[in-house]
Amino acid sequence: SWFPVVDTHPDEAAIADLRLLNPWPELSTFASQMVDNIQHLDDH
């Protein structure tokens, strides 16, 4: 019969899904707050 495998253990490098082209509000807000006035951030 058809045999589904859910826990396929994909390679760790392939798992990440950052959604950079479709960010949700919390992620967009977090990023914008961090880079607010990016030119004036200290080197660290």
Full PDB file with SEQRES, HELIX, SHEET, SSBOND, CRYST1, ORIGX, SCALE, CONECT and MASTER records, all heavy atoms in Angstrom:
SEQRES   1 A   44  SER TRP PHE PRO VAL VAL ASP THR HIS PRO ASP GLU ALA          
SEQRES   2 A   44  ALA ILE ALA ASP LEU ARG LEU LEU ASN PRO TRP PRO GLU          
SEQRES   3 A   44  LEU SER THR PHE ALA SER GLN MET VAL ASP ASN ILE GLN          
SEQRES   4 A   44  HIS LEU ASP ASP HIS                                          
HELIX    1 AA1 GLU A   12  ILE A   15  1                                   4    
HELIX    2 AA2 PRO A   25  MET A   34  1                                  10    
HELIX    3 AA3 ILE A   38  HIS A   40  5                                   3    
CRYST1    1.000    1.000    1.000  90.00  90.00  90.00 P 1           1          
ORIGX1      1.000000  0.000000  0.000000        0.00000                         
ORIGX2      0.000000  1.000000  0.000000        0.00000                         
ORIGX3      0.000000  0.000000  1.000000        0.00000                         
SCALE1      1.000000  0.000000  0.000000        0.00000                         
SCALE2      0.000000  1.000000  0.000000        0.00000                         
SCALE3      0.000000  0.000000  1.000000        0.00000                         
ATOM      1  N   SER A   1       0.857  -1.180   0.000  1.00  0.00           N  
ATOM      2  CA  SER A   1       0.000   0.000   0.000  1.00  0.00           C  
ATOM      3  C   SER A   1       0.893   1.229   0.000  1.00  0.00           C  
ATOM      4  O   SER A   1       2.104   1.130   0.146  1.00  0.00           O  
ATOM      5  CB  SER A   1      -0.925   0.005   1.229  1.00  0.00           C  
ATOM      6  OG  SER A   1      -0.158   0.100   2.420  1.00  0.00           O  
ATOM      7  N   TRP A   2       0.281   2.384  -0.156  1.00  0.00           N  
ATOM      8  CA  TRP A   2       1.055   3.620  -0.100  1.00  0.00           C  
ATOM      9  C   TRP A   2       1.664   3.764   1.295  1.00  0.00           C  
ATOM     10  O   TRP A   2       0.998   3.541   2.309  1.00  0.00           O  
ATOM     11  CB  TRP A   2       0.155   4.810  -0.419  1.00  0.00           C  
ATOM     12  CG  TRP A   2      -0.389   4.766  -1.810  1.00  0.00           C  
ATOM     13  CD1 TRP A   2      -1.455   4.042  -2.252  1.00  0.00           C  
ATOM     14  CD2 TRP A   2       0.125   5.450  -2.944  1.00  0.00           C  
ATOM     15  NE1 TRP A   2      -1.647   4.233  -3.597  1.00  0.00           N  
ATOM     16  CE2 TRP A   2      -0.690   5.106  -4.052  1.00  0.00           C  
ATOM     17  CE3 TRP A   2       1.180   6.331  -3.151  1.00  0.00           C  
ATOM     18  CZ2 TRP A   2      -0.476   5.612  -5.319  1.00  0.00           C  
ATOM     19  CZ3 TRP A   2       1.385   6.837  -4.423  1.00  0.00           C  
ATOM     20  CH2 TRP A   2       0.576   6.476  -5.482  1.00  0.00           C  
ATOM     21  N   PHE A   3       2.927   4.148   1.338  1.00  0.00           N  
ATOM     22  CA  PHE A   3       3.666   4.142   2.603  1.00  0.00           C  
ATOM     23  C   PHE A   3       4.245   5.541   2.846  1.00  0.00           C  
ATOM     24  O   PHE A   3       5.265   5.912   2.267  1.00  0.00           O  
ATOM     25  CB  PHE A   3       4.790   3.107   2.554  1.00  0.00           C  
ATOM     26  CG  PHE A   3       5.454   2.849   3.877  1.00  0.00           C  
ATOM     27  CD1 PHE A   3       4.952   1.897   4.750  1.00  0.00           C  
ATOM     28  CD2 PHE A   3       6.580   3.559   4.252  1.00  0.00           C  
ATOM     29  CE1 PHE A   3       5.562   1.658   5.972  1.00  0.00           C  
ATOM     30  CE2 PHE A   3       7.201   3.335   5.472  1.00  0.00           C  
ATOM     31  CZ  PHE A   3       6.691   2.381   6.334  1.00  0.00           C  
ATOM     32  N   PRO A   4       3.591   6.339   3.693  1.00  0.00           N  
ATOM     33  CA  PRO A   4       4.117   7.684   3.968  1.00  0.00           C  
ATOM     34  C   PRO A   4       5.191   7.655   5.052  1.00  0.00           C  
ATOM     35  O   PRO A   4       5.102   6.911   6.027  1.00  0.00           O  
ATOM     36  CB  PRO A   4       2.876   8.435   4.453  1.00  0.00           C  
ATOM     37  CG  PRO A   4       2.011   7.379   5.073  1.00  0.00           C  
ATOM     38  CD  PRO A   4       2.280   6.104   4.329  1.00  0.00           C  
ATOM     39  N   VAL A   5       6.204   8.492   4.863  1.00  0.00           N  
ATOM     40  CA  VAL A   5       7.241   8.660   5.877  1.00  0.00           C  
ATOM     41  C   VAL A   5       7.302  10.140   6.223  1.00  0.00           C  
ATOM     42  O   VAL A   5       7.673  10.969   5.385  1.00  0.00           O  
ATOM     43  CB  VAL A   5       8.617   8.179   5.376  1.00  0.00           C  
ATOM     44  CG1 VAL A   5       9.653   8.307   6.501  1.00  0.00           C  
ATOM     45  CG2 VAL A   5       8.546   6.746   4.881  1.00  0.00           C  
ATOM     46  N   VAL A   6       6.920  10.472   7.436  1.00  0.00           N  
ATOM     47  CA  VAL A   6       6.912  11.867   7.881  1.00  0.00           C  
ATOM     48  C   VAL A   6       8.269  12.256   8.452  1.00  0.00           C  
ATOM     49  O   VAL A   6       8.829  13.299   8.114  1.00  0.00           O  
ATOM     50  CB  VAL A   6       5.802  12.093   8.928  1.00  0.00           C  
ATOM     51  CG1 VAL A   6       5.860  13.513   9.479  1.00  0.00           C  
ATOM     52  CG2 VAL A   6       4.434  11.815   8.317  1.00  0.00           C  
ATOM     53  N   ASP A   7       8.813  11.412   9.309  1.00  0.00           N  
ATOM     54  CA  ASP A   7      10.085  11.727   9.975  1.00  0.00           C  
ATOM     55  C   ASP A   7      11.243  11.266   9.097  1.00  0.00           C  
ATOM     56  O   ASP A   7      11.884  10.248   9.351  1.00  0.00           O  
ATOM     57  CB  ASP A   7      10.130  11.042  11.346  1.00  0.00           C  
ATOM     58  CG  ASP A   7      11.154  11.674  12.274  1.00  0.00           C  
ATOM     59  OD1 ASP A   7      11.877  12.585  11.815  1.00  0.00           O  
ATOM     60  OD2 ASP A   7      11.230  11.270  13.443  1.00  0.00           O  
ATOM     61  N   THR A   8      11.514  12.025   8.037  1.00  0.00           N  
ATOM     62  CA  THR A   8      12.521  11.625   7.053  1.00  0.00           C  
ATOM     63  C   THR A   8      13.938  12.035   7.444  1.00  0.00           C  
ATOM     64  O   THR A   8      14.892  11.701   6.741  1.00  0.00           O  
ATOM     65  CB  THR A   8      12.192  12.234   5.687  1.00  0.00           C  
ATOM     66  OG1 THR A   8      12.032  13.651   5.830  1.00  0.00           O  
ATOM     67  CG2 THR A   8      10.905  11.643   5.126  1.00  0.00           C  
ATOM     68  N   HIS A   9      14.095  12.777   8.528  1.00  0.00           N  
ATOM     69  CA  HIS A   9      15.405  13.238   8.996  1.00  0.00           C  
ATOM     70  C   HIS A   9      16.184  13.967   7.897  1.00  0.00           C  
ATOM     71  O   HIS A   9      17.263  13.540   7.493  1.00  0.00           O  
ATOM     72  CB  HIS A   9      16.225  12.057   9.520  1.00  0.00           C  
ATOM     73  CG  HIS A   9      15.676  11.445  10.760  1.00  0.00           C  
ATOM     74  ND1 HIS A   9      16.059  11.809  12.030  1.00  0.00           N  
ATOM     75  CD2 HIS A   9      14.735  10.474  10.927  1.00  0.00           C  
ATOM     76  CE1 HIS A   9      15.399  11.099  12.934  1.00  0.00           C  
ATOM     77  NE2 HIS A   9      14.585  10.281  12.283  1.00  0.00           N  
ATOM     78  N   PRO A  10      15.645  15.073   7.395  1.00  0.00           N  
ATOM     79  CA  PRO A  10      16.370  15.806   6.357  1.00  0.00           C  
ATOM     80  C   PRO A  10      17.663  16.391   6.895  1.00  0.00           C  
ATOM     81  O   PRO A  10      17.837  16.553   8.111  1.00  0.00           O  
ATOM     82  CB  PRO A  10      15.389  16.912   5.961  1.00  0.00           C  
ATOM     83  CG  PRO A  10      14.538  17.099   7.173  1.00  0.00           C  
ATOM     84  CD  PRO A  10      14.398  15.738   7.783  1.00  0.00           C  
ATOM     85  N   ASP A  11      18.560  16.716   5.993  1.00  0.00           N  
ATOM     86  CA  ASP A  11      19.828  17.322   6.375  1.00  0.00           C  
ATOM     87  C   ASP A  11      19.564  18.652   7.085  1.00  0.00           C  
ATOM     88  O   ASP A  11      18.702  19.438   6.675  1.00  0.00           O  
ATOM     89  CB  ASP A  11      20.683  17.557   5.131  1.00  0.00           C  
ATOM     90  CG  ASP A  11      22.078  18.034   5.490  1.00  0.00           C  
ATOM     91  OD1 ASP A  11      22.257  19.249   5.656  1.00  0.00           O  
ATOM     92  OD2 ASP A  11      22.983  17.177   5.606  1.00  0.00           O  
ATOM     93  N   GLU A  12      20.314  18.902   8.149  1.00  0.00           N  
ATOM     94  CA  GLU A  12      20.102  20.114   8.942  1.00  0.00           C  
ATOM     95  C   GLU A  12      20.209  21.372   8.081  1.00  0.00           C  
ATOM     96  O   GLU A  12      19.508  22.353   8.294  1.00  0.00           O  
ATOM     97  CB  GLU A  12      21.124  20.180  10.083  1.00  0.00           C  
ATOM     98  CG  GLU A  12      20.871  19.189  11.209  1.00  0.00           C  
ATOM     99  CD  GLU A  12      19.606  19.502  11.984  1.00  0.00           C  
ATOM    100  OE1 GLU A  12      19.264  20.700  12.088  1.00  0.00           O  
ATOM    101  OE2 GLU A  12      18.945  18.572  12.468  1.00  0.00           O  
ATOM    102  N   ALA A  13      21.107  21.339   7.087  1.00  0.00           N  
ATOM    103  CA  ALA A  13      21.305  22.518   6.248  1.00  0.00           C  
ATOM    104  C   ALA A  13      20.089  22.821   5.389  1.00  0.00           C  
ATOM    105  O   ALA A  13      19.911  23.955   4.924  1.00  0.00           O  
ATOM    106  CB  ALA A  13      22.534  22.326   5.360  1.00  0.00           C  
ATOM    107  N   ALA A  14      19.229  21.823   5.174  1.00  0.00           N  
ATOM    108  CA  ALA A  14      18.076  22.017   4.292  1.00  0.00           C  
ATOM    109  C   ALA A  14      16.817  22.430   5.047  1.00  0.00           C  
ATOM    110  O   ALA A  14      15.821  22.814   4.428  1.00  0.00           O  
ATOM    111  CB  ALA A  14      17.798  20.722   3.516  1.00  0.00           C  
ATOM    112  N   ILE A  15      16.842  22.363   6.361  1.00  0.00           N  
ATOM    113  CA  ILE A  15      15.629  22.573   7.150  1.00  0.00           C  
ATOM    114  C   ILE A  15      15.224  24.041   7.221  1.00  0.00           C  
ATOM    115  O   ILE A  15      14.043  24.379   7.151  1.00  0.00           O  
ATOM    116  CB  ILE A  15      15.821  22.000   8.569  1.00  0.00           C  
ATOM    117  CG1 ILE A  15      15.849  20.480   8.530  1.00  0.00           C  
ATOM    118  CG2 ILE A  15      14.714  22.484   9.489  1.00  0.00           C  
ATOM    119  CD1 ILE A  15      16.119  19.850   9.867  1.00  0.00           C  
ATOM    120  N   ALA A  16      16.204  24.925   7.350  1.00  0.00           N  
ATOM    121  CA  ALA A  16      15.914  26.329   7.635  1.00  0.00           C  
ATOM    122  C   ALA A  16      14.987  26.950   6.589  1.00  0.00           C  
ATOM    123  O   ALA A  16      15.191  26.801   5.387  1.00  0.00           O  
ATOM    124  CB  ALA A  16      17.213  27.120   7.717  1.00  0.00           C  
ATOM    125  N   ASP A  17      13.970  27.629   7.056  1.00  0.00           N  
ATOM    126  CA  ASP A  17      13.014  28.347   6.206  1.00  0.00           C  
ATOM    127  C   ASP A  17      12.843  29.718   6.845  1.00  0.00           C  
ATOM    128  O   ASP A  17      12.059  29.905   7.770  1.00  0.00           O  
ATOM    129  CB  ASP A  17      11.696  27.568   6.156  1.00  0.00           C  
ATOM    130  CG  ASP A  17      10.644  28.277   5.317  1.00  0.00           C  
ATOM    131  OD1 ASP A  17      11.005  29.229   4.593  1.00  0.00           O  
ATOM    132  OD2 ASP A  17       9.473  27.885   5.383  1.00  0.00           O  
ATOM    133  N   LEU A  18      13.597  30.703   6.340  1.00  0.00           N  
ATOM    134  CA  LEU A  18      13.657  31.996   7.015  1.00  0.00           C  
ATOM    135  C   LEU A  18      12.536  32.944   6.624  1.00  0.00           C  
ATOM    136  O   LEU A  18      12.316  33.955   7.291  1.00  0.00           O  
ATOM    137  CB  LEU A  18      15.016  32.656   6.734  1.00  0.00           C  
ATOM    138  CG  LEU A  18      16.239  31.848   7.184  1.00  0.00           C  
ATOM    139  CD1 LEU A  18      17.514  32.640   6.952  1.00  0.00           C  
ATOM    140  CD2 LEU A  18      16.125  31.462   8.655  1.00  0.00           C  
ATOM    141  N   ARG A  19      11.817  32.662   5.550  1.00  0.00           N  
ATOM    142  CA  ARG A  19      10.683  33.482   5.104  1.00  0.00           C  
ATOM    143  C   ARG A  19      11.071  34.951   4.889  1.00  0.00           C  
ATOM    144  O   ARG A  19      10.319  35.871   5.245  1.00  0.00           O  
ATOM    145  CB  ARG A  19       9.536  33.398   6.109  1.00  0.00           C  
ATOM    146  CG  ARG A  19       8.902  32.049   6.224  1.00  0.00           C  
ATOM    147  CD  ARG A  19       8.081  31.716   4.962  1.00  0.00           C  
ATOM    148  NE  ARG A  19       7.813  30.296   4.951  1.00  0.00           N  
ATOM    149  CZ  ARG A  19       6.764  29.746   5.566  1.00  0.00           C  
ATOM    150  NH1 ARG A  19       5.901  30.512   6.187  1.00  0.00           N  
ATOM    151  NH2 ARG A  19       6.597  28.442   5.531  1.00  0.00           N  
ATOM    152  N   LEU A  20      12.216  35.180   4.306  1.00  0.00           N  
ATOM    153  CA  LEU A  20      12.684  36.549   4.134  1.00  0.00           C  
ATOM    154  C   LEU A  20      11.843  37.313   3.118  1.00  0.00           C  
ATOM    155  O   LEU A  20      11.736  38.541   3.199  1.00  0.00           O  
ATOM    156  CB  LEU A  20      14.150  36.547   3.706  1.00  0.00           C  
ATOM    157  CG  LEU A  20      15.120  35.915   4.720  1.00  0.00           C  
ATOM    158  CD1 LEU A  20      16.538  35.979   4.204  1.00  0.00           C  
ATOM    159  CD2 LEU A  20      15.011  36.604   6.073  1.00  0.00           C  
ATOM    160  N   LEU A  21      11.264  36.618   2.150  1.00  0.00           N  
ATOM    161  CA  LEU A  21      10.429  37.287   1.160  1.00  0.00           C  
ATOM    162  C   LEU A  21       8.985  37.407   1.609  1.00  0.00           C  
ATOM    163  O   LEU A  21       8.186  38.106   0.965  1.00  0.00           O  
ATOM    164  CB  LEU A  21      10.506  36.551  -0.180  1.00  0.00           C  
ATOM    165  CG  LEU A  21      11.895  36.473  -0.824  1.00  0.00           C  
ATOM    166  CD1 LEU A  21      11.820  35.811  -2.188  1.00  0.00           C  
ATOM    167  CD2 LEU A  21      12.517  37.855  -0.932  1.00  0.00           C  
ATOM    168  N   ASN A  22       8.647  36.734   2.705  1.00  0.00           N  
ATOM    169  CA  ASN A  22       7.278  36.790   3.240  1.00  0.00           C  
ATOM    170  C   ASN A  22       7.330  36.915   4.766  1.00  0.00           C  
ATOM    171  O   ASN A  22       6.784  36.090   5.488  1.00  0.00           O  
ATOM    172  CB  ASN A  22       6.492  35.535   2.858  1.00  0.00           C  
ATOM    173  CG  ASN A  22       6.383  35.355   1.362  1.00  0.00           C  
ATOM    174  OD1 ASN A  22       5.607  36.026   0.702  1.00  0.00           O  
ATOM    175  ND2 ASN A  22       7.174  34.437   0.820  1.00  0.00           N  
ATOM    176  N   PRO A  23       7.981  37.957   5.271  1.00  0.00           N  
ATOM    177  CA  PRO A  23       8.103  38.075   6.733  1.00  0.00           C  
ATOM    178  C   PRO A  23       6.757  38.416   7.373  1.00  0.00           C  
ATOM    179  O   PRO A  23       5.927  39.120   6.786  1.00  0.00           O  
ATOM    180  CB  PRO A  23       9.102  39.220   6.898  1.00  0.00           C  
ATOM    181  CG  PRO A  23       8.933  40.047   5.661  1.00  0.00           C  
ATOM    182  CD  PRO A  23       8.613  39.076   4.565  1.00  0.00           C  
ATOM    183  N   TRP A  24       6.532  37.905   8.554  1.00  0.00           N  
ATOM    184  CA  TRP A  24       5.316  38.229   9.292  1.00  0.00           C  
ATOM    185  C   TRP A  24       5.596  39.463  10.165  1.00  0.00           C  
ATOM    186  O   TRP A  24       6.774  39.852  10.349  1.00  0.00           O  
ATOM    187  CB  TRP A  24       4.857  37.021  10.105  1.00  0.00           C  
ATOM    188  CG  TRP A  24       5.857  36.472  11.081  1.00  0.00           C  
ATOM    189  CD1 TRP A  24       5.922  36.689  12.428  1.00  0.00           C  
ATOM    190  CD2 TRP A  24       6.961  35.591  10.781  1.00  0.00           C  
ATOM    191  NE1 TRP A  24       6.968  36.011  12.989  1.00  0.00           N  
ATOM    192  CE2 TRP A  24       7.626  35.334  12.003  1.00  0.00           C  
ATOM    193  CE3 TRP A  24       7.454  35.024   9.603  1.00  0.00           C  
ATOM    194  CZ2 TRP A  24       8.764  34.524  12.075  1.00  0.00           C  
ATOM    195  CZ3 TRP A  24       8.579  34.213   9.680  1.00  0.00           C  
ATOM    196  CH2 TRP A  24       9.219  33.967  10.894  1.00  0.00           C  
ATOM    197  N   PRO A  25       4.583  40.112  10.686  1.00  0.00           N  
ATOM    198  CA  PRO A  25       4.764  41.413  11.359  1.00  0.00           C  
ATOM    199  C   PRO A  25       5.811  41.393  12.477  1.00  0.00           C  
ATOM    200  O   PRO A  25       6.617  42.324  12.581  1.00  0.00           O  
ATOM    201  CB  PRO A  25       3.361  41.718  11.913  1.00  0.00           C  
ATOM    202  CG  PRO A  25       2.439  41.011  10.971  1.00  0.00           C  
ATOM    203  CD  PRO A  25       3.158  39.758  10.562  1.00  0.00           C  
ATOM    204  N   GLU A  26       5.809  40.364  13.326  1.00  0.00           N  
ATOM    205  CA  GLU A  26       6.755  40.328  14.444  1.00  0.00           C  
ATOM    206  C   GLU A  26       8.198  40.313  13.948  1.00  0.00           C  
ATOM    207  O   GLU A  26       9.076  40.971  14.525  1.00  0.00           O  
ATOM    208  CB  GLU A  26       6.497  39.113  15.331  1.00  0.00           C  
ATOM    209  CG  GLU A  26       5.180  39.151  16.100  1.00  0.00           C  
ATOM    210  CD  GLU A  26       4.004  38.642  15.291  1.00  0.00           C  
ATOM    211  OE1 GLU A  26       4.172  38.381  14.079  1.00  0.00           O  
ATOM    212  OE2 GLU A  26       2.921  38.483  15.874  1.00  0.00           O  
ATOM    213  N   LEU A  27       8.451  39.557  12.875  1.00  0.00           N  
ATOM    214  CA  LEU A  27       9.811  39.481  12.339  1.00  0.00           C  
ATOM    215  C   LEU A  27      10.208  40.813  11.713  1.00  0.00           C  
ATOM    216  O   LEU A  27      11.332  41.296  11.916  1.00  0.00           O  
ATOM    217  CB  LEU A  27       9.904  38.358  11.305  1.00  0.00           C  
ATOM    218  CG  LEU A  27      11.273  38.164  10.644  1.00  0.00           C  
ATOM    219  CD1 LEU A  27      12.332  37.825  11.684  1.00  0.00           C  
ATOM    220  CD2 LEU A  27      11.219  37.070   9.573  1.00  0.00           C  
ATOM    221  N   SER A  28       9.297  41.423  10.959  1.00  0.00           N  
ATOM    222  CA  SER A  28       9.605  42.708  10.330  1.00  0.00           C  
ATOM    223  C   SER A  28       9.883  43.778  11.382  1.00  0.00           C  
ATOM    224  O   SER A  28      10.826  44.576  11.246  1.00  0.00           O  
ATOM    225  CB  SER A  28       8.440  43.142   9.438  1.00  0.00           C  
ATOM    226  OG  SER A  28       8.252  42.229   8.379  1.00  0.00           O  
ATOM    227  N   THR A  29       9.080  43.802  12.432  1.00  0.00           N  
ATOM    228  CA  THR A  29       9.270  44.786  13.497  1.00  0.00           C  
ATOM    229  C   THR A  29      10.611  44.582  14.191  1.00  0.00           C  
ATOM    230  O   THR A  29      11.350  45.546  14.455  1.00  0.00           O  
ATOM    231  CB  THR A  29       8.121  44.690  14.516  1.00  0.00           C  
ATOM    232  OG1 THR A  29       6.878  44.922  13.858  1.00  0.00           O  
ATOM    233  CG2 THR A  29       8.307  45.692  15.639  1.00  0.00           C  
ATOM    234  N   PHE A  30      10.939  43.337  14.494  1.00  0.00           N  
ATOM    235  CA  PHE A  30      12.202  43.024  15.148  1.00  0.00           C  
ATOM    236  C   PHE A  30      13.378  43.508  14.304  1.00  0.00           C  
ATOM    237  O   PHE A  30      14.309  44.152  14.807  1.00  0.00           O  
ATOM    238  CB  PHE A  30      12.304  41.513  15.377  1.00  0.00           C  
ATOM    239  CG  PHE A  30      13.636  41.046  15.887  1.00  0.00           C  
ATOM    240  CD1 PHE A  30      13.942  41.134  17.234  1.00  0.00           C  
ATOM    241  CD2 PHE A  30      14.583  40.527  15.018  1.00  0.00           C  
ATOM    242  CE1 PHE A  30      15.178  40.704  17.713  1.00  0.00           C  
ATOM    243  CE2 PHE A  30      15.811  40.083  15.478  1.00  0.00           C  
ATOM    244  CZ  PHE A  30      16.113  40.178  16.832  1.00  0.00           C  
ATOM    245  N   ALA A  31      13.332  43.226  13.001  1.00  0.00           N  
ATOM    246  CA  ALA A  31      14.440  43.596  12.115  1.00  0.00           C  
ATOM    247  C   ALA A  31      14.557  45.108  11.990  1.00  0.00           C  
ATOM    248  O   ALA A  31      15.663  45.665  12.044  1.00  0.00           O  
ATOM    249  CB  ALA A  31      14.237  42.969  10.737  1.00  0.00           C  
ATOM    250  N   SER A  32      13.435  45.784  11.812  1.00  0.00           N  
ATOM    251  CA  SER A  32      13.484  47.244  11.644  1.00  0.00           C  
ATOM    252  C   SER A  32      13.995  47.931  12.906  1.00  0.00           C  
ATOM    253  O   SER A  32      14.726  48.924  12.833  1.00  0.00           O  
ATOM    254  CB  SER A  32      12.104  47.775  11.263  1.00  0.00           C  
ATOM    255  OG  SER A  32      11.150  47.526  12.290  1.00  0.00           O  
ATOM    256  N   GLN A  33      13.637  47.432  14.083  1.00  0.00           N  
ATOM    257  CA  GLN A  33      14.112  48.020  15.336  1.00  0.00           C  
ATOM    258  C   GLN A  33      15.615  47.832  15.504  1.00  0.00           C  
ATOM    259  O   GLN A  33      16.309  48.706  16.016  1.00  0.00           O  
ATOM    260  CB  GLN A  33      13.359  47.419  16.521  1.00  0.00           C  
ATOM    261  CG  GLN A  33      11.902  47.847  16.607  1.00  0.00           C  
ATOM    262  CD  GLN A  33      11.158  47.147  17.728  1.00  0.00           C  
ATOM    263  OE1 GLN A  33      11.637  46.163  18.305  1.00  0.00           O  
ATOM    264  NE2 GLN A  33       9.959  47.669  18.050  1.00  0.00           N  
ATOM    265  N   MET A  34      16.119  46.686  15.040  1.00  0.00           N  
ATOM    266  CA  MET A  34      17.544  46.416  15.210  1.00  0.00           C  
ATOM    267  C   MET A  34      18.401  47.290  14.308  1.00  0.00           C  
ATOM    268  O   MET A  34      19.525  47.662  14.666  1.00  0.00           O  
ATOM    269  CB  MET A  34      17.859  44.943  14.926  1.00  0.00           C  
ATOM    270  CG  MET A  34      17.530  43.997  16.048  1.00  0.00           C  
ATOM    271  SD  MET A  34      18.639  42.576  16.044  1.00  0.00           S  
ATOM    272  CE  MET A  34      20.197  43.321  16.495  1.00  0.00           C  
ATOM    273  N   VAL A  35      17.911  47.608  13.115  1.00  0.00           N  
ATOM    274  CA  VAL A  35      18.730  48.361  12.159  1.00  0.00           C  
ATOM    275  C   VAL A  35      18.310  49.829  12.090  1.00  0.00           C  
ATOM    276  O   VAL A  35      18.711  50.549  11.167  1.00  0.00           O  
ATOM    277  CB  VAL A  35      18.658  47.737  10.749  1.00  0.00           C  
ATOM    278  CG1 VAL A  35      19.244  46.356  10.754  1.00  0.00           C  
ATOM    279  CG2 VAL A  35      17.215  47.703  10.240  1.00  0.00           C  
ATOM    280  N   ASP A  36      17.479  50.255  13.032  1.00  0.00           N  
ATOM    281  CA  ASP A  36      17.074  51.658  13.050  1.00  0.00           C  
ATOM    282  C   ASP A  36      18.321  52.534  13.158  1.00  0.00           C  
ATOM    283  O   ASP A  36      19.115  52.392  14.087  1.00  0.00           O  
ATOM    284  CB  ASP A  36      16.134  51.909  14.237  1.00  0.00           C  
ATOM    285  CG  ASP A  36      15.568  53.324  14.237  1.00  0.00           C  
ATOM    286  OD1 ASP A  36      15.433  53.897  13.135  1.00  0.00           O  
ATOM    287  OD2 ASP A  36      15.287  53.835  15.331  1.00  0.00           O  
ATOM    288  N   ASN A  37      18.496  53.385  12.162  1.00  0.00           N  
ATOM    289  CA  ASN A  37      19.675  54.254  12.110  1.00  0.00           C  
ATOM    290  C   ASN A  37      20.952  53.416  12.094  1.00  0.00           C  
ATOM    291  O   ASN A  37      21.846  53.591  12.919  1.00  0.00           O  
ATOM    292  CB  ASN A  37      19.681  55.215  13.307  1.00  0.00           C  
ATOM    293  CG  ASN A  37      20.459  56.479  13.007  1.00  0.00           C  
ATOM    294  OD1 ASN A  37      20.897  56.700  11.885  1.00  0.00           O  
ATOM    295  ND2 ASN A  37      20.631  57.313  14.026  1.00  0.00           N  
ATOM    296  N   ILE A  38      21.024  52.455  11.139  1.00  0.00           N  
ATOM    297  CA  ILE A  38      22.112  51.490  11.073  1.00  0.00           C  
ATOM    298  C   ILE A  38      23.484  52.143  10.965  1.00  0.00           C  
ATOM    299  O   ILE A  38      24.486  51.616  11.465  1.00  0.00           O  
ATOM    300  CB  ILE A  38      21.887  50.520   9.886  1.00  0.00           C  
ATOM    301  CG1 ILE A  38      22.904  49.374   9.935  1.00  0.00           C  
ATOM    302  CG2 ILE A  38      21.925  51.243   8.555  1.00  0.00           C  
ATOM    303  CD1 ILE A  38      22.645  48.292   8.906  1.00  0.00           C  
ATOM    304  N   GLN A  39      23.557  53.304  10.319  1.00  0.00           N  
ATOM    305  CA  GLN A  39      24.848  53.954  10.128  1.00  0.00           C  
ATOM    306  C   GLN A  39      25.471  54.393  11.445  1.00  0.00           C  
ATOM    307  O   GLN A  39      26.695  54.601  11.528  1.00  0.00           O  
ATOM    308  CB  GLN A  39      24.689  55.168   9.196  1.00  0.00           C  
ATOM    309  CG  GLN A  39      24.168  54.821   7.812  1.00  0.00           C  
ATOM    310  CD  GLN A  39      25.082  53.840   7.088  1.00  0.00           C  
ATOM    311  OE1 GLN A  39      26.302  53.869   7.266  1.00  0.00           O  
ATOM    312  NE2 GLN A  39      24.491  52.972   6.281  1.00  0.00           N  
ATOM    313  N   HIS A  40      24.654  54.556  12.480  1.00  0.00           N  
ATOM    314  CA  HIS A  40      25.171  55.043  13.754  1.00  0.00           C  
ATOM    315  C   HIS A  40      25.388  53.925  14.778  1.00  0.00           C  
ATOM    316  O   HIS A  40      25.702  54.197  15.934  1.00  0.00           O  
ATOM    317  CB  HIS A  40      24.227  56.101  14.335  1.00  0.00           C  
ATOM    318  CG  HIS A  40      24.174  57.352  13.525  1.00  0.00           C  
ATOM    319  ND1 HIS A  40      23.334  57.512  12.443  1.00  0.00           N  
ATOM    320  CD2 HIS A  40      24.890  58.525  13.619  1.00  0.00           C  
ATOM    321  CE1 HIS A  40      23.503  58.708  11.908  1.00  0.00           C  
ATOM    322  NE2 HIS A  40      24.449  59.345  12.597  1.00  0.00           N  
ATOM    323  N   LEU A  41      25.211  52.661  14.351  1.00  0.00           N  
ATOM    324  CA  LEU A  41      25.517  51.548  15.259  1.00  0.00           C  
ATOM    325  C   LEU A  41      27.011  51.485  15.501  1.00  0.00           C  
ATOM    326  O   LEU A  41      27.816  51.736  14.590  1.00  0.00           O  
ATOM    327  CB  LEU A  41      25.035  50.225  14.651  1.00  0.00           C  
ATOM    328  CG  LEU A  41      23.529  49.995  14.534  1.00  0.00           C  
ATOM    329  CD1 LEU A  41      23.264  48.676  13.815  1.00  0.00           C  
ATOM    330  CD2 LEU A  41      22.864  50.003  15.898  1.00  0.00           C  
ATOM    331  N   ASP A  42      27.399  51.162  16.726  1.00  0.00           N  
ATOM    332  CA  ASP A  42      28.843  51.010  16.962  1.00  0.00           C  
ATOM    333  C   ASP A  42      29.331  49.744  16.275  1.00  0.00           C  
ATOM    334  O   ASP A  42      28.542  48.910  15.817  1.00  0.00           O  
ATOM    335  CB  ASP A  42      29.158  51.006  18.464  1.00  0.00           C  
ATOM    336  CG  ASP A  42      28.506  49.847  19.223  1.00  0.00           C  
ATOM    337  OD1 ASP A  42      28.420  48.731  18.659  1.00  0.00           O  
ATOM    338  OD2 ASP A  42      28.086  50.053  20.370  1.00  0.00           O  
ATOM    339  N   ASP A  43      30.661  49.591  16.184  1.00  0.00           N  
ATOM    340  CA  ASP A  43      31.234  48.473  15.431  1.00  0.00           C  
ATOM    341  C   ASP A  43      30.808  47.123  15.986  1.00  0.00           C  
ATOM    342  O   ASP A  43      30.596  46.166  15.223  1.00  0.00           O  
ATOM    343  CB  ASP A  43      32.769  48.574  15.443  1.00  0.00           C  
ATOM    344  CG  ASP A  43      33.282  49.652  14.488  1.00  0.00           C  
ATOM    345  OD1 ASP A  43      32.468  50.138  13.680  1.00  0.00           O  
ATOM    346  OD2 ASP A  43      34.484  49.980  14.563  1.00  0.00           O  
ATOM    347  N   HIS A  44      30.687  47.041  17.309  1.00  0.00           N  
ATOM    348  CA  HIS A  44      30.304  45.754  17.909  1.00  0.00           C  
ATOM    349  C   HIS A  44      28.895  45.367  17.474  1.00  0.00           C  
ATOM    350  O   HIS A  44      28.666  44.238  17.013  1.00  0.00           O  
ATOM    351  CB  HIS A  44      30.370  45.832  19.430  1.00  0.00           C  
ATOM    352  CG  HIS A  44      29.957  44.567  20.108  1.00  0.00           C  
ATOM    353  ND1 HIS A  44      30.772  43.463  20.208  1.00  0.00           N  
ATOM    354  CD2 HIS A  44      28.771  44.222  20.710  1.00  0.00           C  
ATOM    355  CE1 HIS A  44      30.134  42.483  20.839  1.00  0.00           C  
ATOM    356  NE2 HIS A  44      28.915  42.921  21.160  1.00  0.00           N  
TER     357      HIS A  44                                                      
MASTER        0    0    0    3    0    0    0    6  356    1    0    4          
END                                                                             
